[in-house]
Amino acid sequence: MNEATPPWASPTGIPVQRKTSVPPPRRLRFPDPDRCGIVLGRDPSHVRVARVWAHQIARTTRNAAFPLVTAVSELVTNAQRHTRSGDPGGTTTVVVERRPYAFVLTVADDGPRPGPTIPVPRIEEGDSLRGGGFGLRLVDALCAYWDWSGTAGGPLTVRALIERDTAPRLPPVA
């Protein structure tokens, strides 16, 4: 780490996980009150925990929080379904930064499962009648921007920028 990176954070901005005996889900603490985080386990019920948590930390109405809650839900589900985060002992770390006009969402998984190919987040073209496969399309539709970073075989981090419905309304031009 360099001098600009606090000792409690990795270069991606997600806190370095210490060995702890507290099983997930558990909240993360940040010095900035507008940053919130949670570590989730592999249990599918933790997706619901993530949705409830996202709505609470959004500090807004259910309708205004919908894009954030949906993006958190879909990205956590994808991490559990497609990476080692869904294996025994796996975790998914979710961090949300509240900004005046947007939420910055970061979801980090434990990396790909062993296999011939390394899956990366991408929107598949193909048959829209097959079941599933719409999670990343929802994230793409709800977010102003999203991307991912990681190394081959290592943990993957997905970031998304979700505009908040708190932008001031401009008066109509006469």
Protein backbone atom coordinates (compact mmCIF):
# COMPACT_ATOMS: atom_id res chain seq x y z
CA MET A 1 0.00 0.00 0.00
CA ASN A 2 1.12 3.51 -0.62
CA GLU A 3 0.92 6.47 1.71
CA ALA A 4 -2.36 7.67 0.16
CA THR A 5 -4.16 4.43 0.96
CA PRO A 6 -5.39 4.18 4.56
CA PRO A 7 -4.13 1.08 6.39
CA TRP A 8 -7.69 -0.21 6.79
CA ALA A 9 -8.43 -0.22 3.04
CA SER A 10 -7.17 -1.99 -0.02
CA PRO A 11 -6.43 -0.03 -3.23
CA THR A 12 -10.01 -0.78 -4.39
CA GLY A 13 -11.43 1.04 -1.36
CA ILE A 14 -12.86 -2.10 0.24
CA PRO A 15 -11.57 -2.70 3.78
CA VAL A 16 -8.92 -5.36 4.19
CA GLN A 17 -10.66 -8.28 5.82
CA ARG A 18 -9.19 -9.33 9.12
CA LYS A 19 -9.53 -12.83 10.45
CA THR A 20 -12.67 -12.78 12.56
CA SER A 21 -14.74 -15.35 14.36
CA VAL A 22 -17.97 -13.51 13.57
CA PRO A 23 -19.72 -15.33 10.72
CA PRO A 24 -21.34 -13.35 7.91
CA PRO A 25 -23.45 -11.35 7.53
CA ARG A 26 -21.57 -8.62 9.36
CA ARG A 27 -21.36 -4.88 8.86
CA LEU A 28 -18.16 -3.04 8.02
CA ARG A 29 -17.16 0.20 9.71
CA PHE A 30 -15.70 3.19 7.89
CA PRO A 31 -14.50 6.53 9.21
CA ASP A 32 -16.69 8.25 6.58
CA PRO A 33 -20.38 8.22 7.66
CA ASP A 34 -21.48 8.17 4.01
CA ARG A 35 -19.76 4.80 3.36
CA CYS A 36 -21.48 1.62 4.48
CA GLY A 37 -20.44 -1.98 4.00
CA ILE A 38 -21.54 -5.51 4.70
CA VAL A 39 -19.92 -8.92 4.33
CA LEU A 40 -22.29 -11.67 3.24
CA GLY A 41 -21.86 -15.43 3.25
CA ARG A 42 -22.84 -18.06 0.75
CA ASP A 43 -26.31 -18.64 2.18
CA PRO A 44 -28.94 -17.67 -0.42
CA SER A 45 -30.91 -15.95 2.35
CA HIS A 46 -28.10 -13.40 2.54
CA VAL A 47 -29.37 -11.91 -0.73
CA ARG A 48 -32.49 -10.84 1.16
CA VAL A 49 -30.29 -9.50 3.97
CA ALA A 50 -28.42 -7.46 1.33
CA ARG A 51 -31.68 -6.03 -0.06
CA VAL A 52 -32.94 -4.99 3.38
CA TRP A 53 -29.53 -3.51 4.25
CA ALA A 54 -29.36 -1.56 0.96
CA HIS A 55 -32.81 -0.07 1.54
CA GLN A 56 -31.86 0.98 5.09
CA ILE A 57 -28.58 2.63 4.15
CA ALA A 58 -30.14 4.42 1.15
CA ARG A 59 -32.01 6.65 3.62
CA THR A 60 -34.80 7.29 1.15
CA THR A 61 -38.20 5.96 0.12
CA ARG A 62 -38.69 2.44 -1.16
CA ASN A 63 -39.30 3.67 -4.72
CA ALA A 64 -36.24 5.92 -4.74
CA ALA A 65 -34.08 3.10 -3.31
CA PHE A 66 -35.31 0.56 -5.88
CA PRO A 67 -32.36 0.90 -8.33
CA LEU A 68 -29.79 0.50 -5.55
CA VAL A 69 -31.62 -2.40 -3.89
CA THR A 70 -32.07 -4.22 -7.21
CA ALA A 71 -28.44 -3.73 -8.27
CA VAL A 72 -27.18 -4.99 -4.88
CA SER A 73 -29.48 -8.00 -5.08
CA GLU A 74 -28.47 -8.95 -8.62
CA LEU A 75 -24.72 -8.50 -8.09
CA VAL A 76 -24.72 -10.48 -4.82
CA THR A 77 -26.77 -13.23 -6.48
CA ASN A 78 -24.29 -13.35 -9.39
CA ALA A 79 -21.34 -13.53 -6.99
CA GLN A 80 -22.90 -16.44 -5.11
CA ARG A 81 -23.96 -18.25 -8.27
CA HIS A 82 -20.87 -17.82 -10.46
CA THR A 83 -17.84 -17.51 -8.13
CA ARG A 84 -16.21 -19.09 -5.10
CA SER A 85 -18.30 -16.73 -2.98
CA GLY A 86 -21.04 -19.36 -3.32
CA ASP A 87 -18.78 -22.17 -2.08
CA PRO A 88 -18.43 -23.18 1.60
CA GLY A 89 -16.64 -20.39 3.45
CA GLY A 90 -17.18 -17.94 0.58
CA THR A 91 -17.99 -14.28 1.15
CA THR A 92 -19.20 -11.31 -0.86
CA THR A 93 -18.34 -7.78 0.27
CA VAL A 94 -20.73 -4.94 -0.58
CA VAL A 95 -19.83 -1.28 -0.06
CA VAL A 96 -22.08 1.70 -0.83
CA GLU A 97 -20.93 5.29 -0.82
CA ARG A 98 -23.69 7.89 -0.60
CA ARG A 99 -22.93 10.97 -2.66
CA PRO A 100 -25.19 14.01 -3.10
CA TYR A 101 -26.64 12.85 -6.43
CA ALA A 102 -25.54 9.22 -6.72
CA PHE A 103 -24.72 5.97 -4.96
CA VAL A 104 -21.40 4.30 -5.74
CA LEU A 105 -21.85 0.54 -5.33
CA THR A 106 -18.91 -1.87 -5.06
CA VAL A 107 -19.36 -5.65 -4.88
CA ALA A 108 -16.31 -7.89 -4.46
CA ASP A 109 -16.35 -11.68 -4.68
CA ASP A 110 -13.83 -14.43 -3.88
CA GLY A 111 -12.83 -15.08 -7.49
CA PRO A 112 -13.76 -17.74 -10.05
CA ARG A 113 -14.24 -21.40 -9.39
CA PRO A 114 -11.59 -23.68 -10.90
CA GLY A 115 -12.37 -24.58 -14.47
CA PRO A 116 -11.32 -24.29 -18.10
CA THR A 117 -12.67 -20.75 -18.49
CA ILE A 118 -12.67 -17.78 -16.16
CA PRO A 119 -16.09 -16.11 -16.17
CA VAL A 120 -16.24 -12.32 -16.27
CA PRO A 121 -19.29 -10.07 -16.00
CA ARG A 122 -20.79 -9.57 -19.44
CA ILE A 123 -24.20 -9.22 -20.97
CA GLU A 124 -24.88 -12.29 -23.09
CA GLU A 125 -26.55 -11.94 -26.44
CA GLY A 126 -28.92 -14.74 -27.22
CA ASP A 127 -32.29 -16.29 -26.63
CA SER A 128 -34.45 -14.06 -24.45
CA LEU A 129 -36.88 -16.94 -23.82
CA ARG A 130 -34.45 -19.03 -21.80
CA GLY A 131 -34.77 -18.79 -18.04
CA GLY A 132 -32.46 -16.52 -16.08
CA GLY A 133 -29.53 -14.47 -17.23
CA PHE A 134 -31.17 -11.06 -16.86
CA GLY A 135 -29.41 -9.87 -13.68
CA LEU A 136 -26.62 -7.97 -15.39
CA ARG A 137 -29.10 -6.56 -17.93
CA LEU A 138 -31.09 -5.13 -15.00
CA VAL A 139 -27.93 -3.64 -13.49
CA ASP A 140 -27.04 -2.15 -16.88
CA ALA A 141 -30.51 -0.64 -17.25
CA LEU A 142 -30.65 0.80 -13.71
CA CYS A 143 -27.12 2.20 -13.45
CA ALA A 144 -25.63 5.26 -15.12
CA TYR A 145 -22.36 3.33 -15.41
CA TRP A 146 -20.86 0.01 -14.35
CA ASP A 147 -17.56 -1.77 -14.81
CA TRP A 148 -15.45 -4.48 -13.22
CA SER A 149 -11.83 -5.07 -12.30
CA GLY A 150 -9.80 -8.05 -11.24
CA THR A 151 -7.00 -10.33 -12.24
CA ALA A 152 -7.19 -13.72 -13.95
CA GLY A 153 -8.16 -16.27 -11.32
CA GLY A 154 -8.34 -13.67 -8.55
CA PRO A 155 -11.14 -11.80 -6.82
CA LEU A 156 -13.41 -9.69 -9.00
CA THR A 157 -14.89 -6.30 -8.11
CA VAL A 158 -17.93 -4.82 -9.85
CA ARG A 159 -18.55 -1.09 -9.48
CA ALA A 160 -21.76 0.73 -10.40
CA LEU A 161 -22.86 4.35 -10.32
CA ILE A 162 -26.55 4.72 -9.52
CA GLU A 163 -28.09 8.15 -9.83
CA ARG A 164 -30.18 9.29 -6.87
CA ASP A 165 -33.57 10.88 -7.27
CA THR A 166 -32.50 13.85 -5.15
CA ALA A 167 -31.23 16.09 -7.92
CA PRO A 168 -32.78 19.53 -7.81
CA ARG A 169 -35.53 20.05 -10.35
CA LEU A 170 -34.94 22.89 -12.77
CA PRO A 171 -37.84 25.23 -13.40
CA PRO A 172 -39.40 25.00 -16.86
CA VAL A 173 -37.89 27.34 -19.39
CA ALA A 174 -40.40 29.98 -20.45
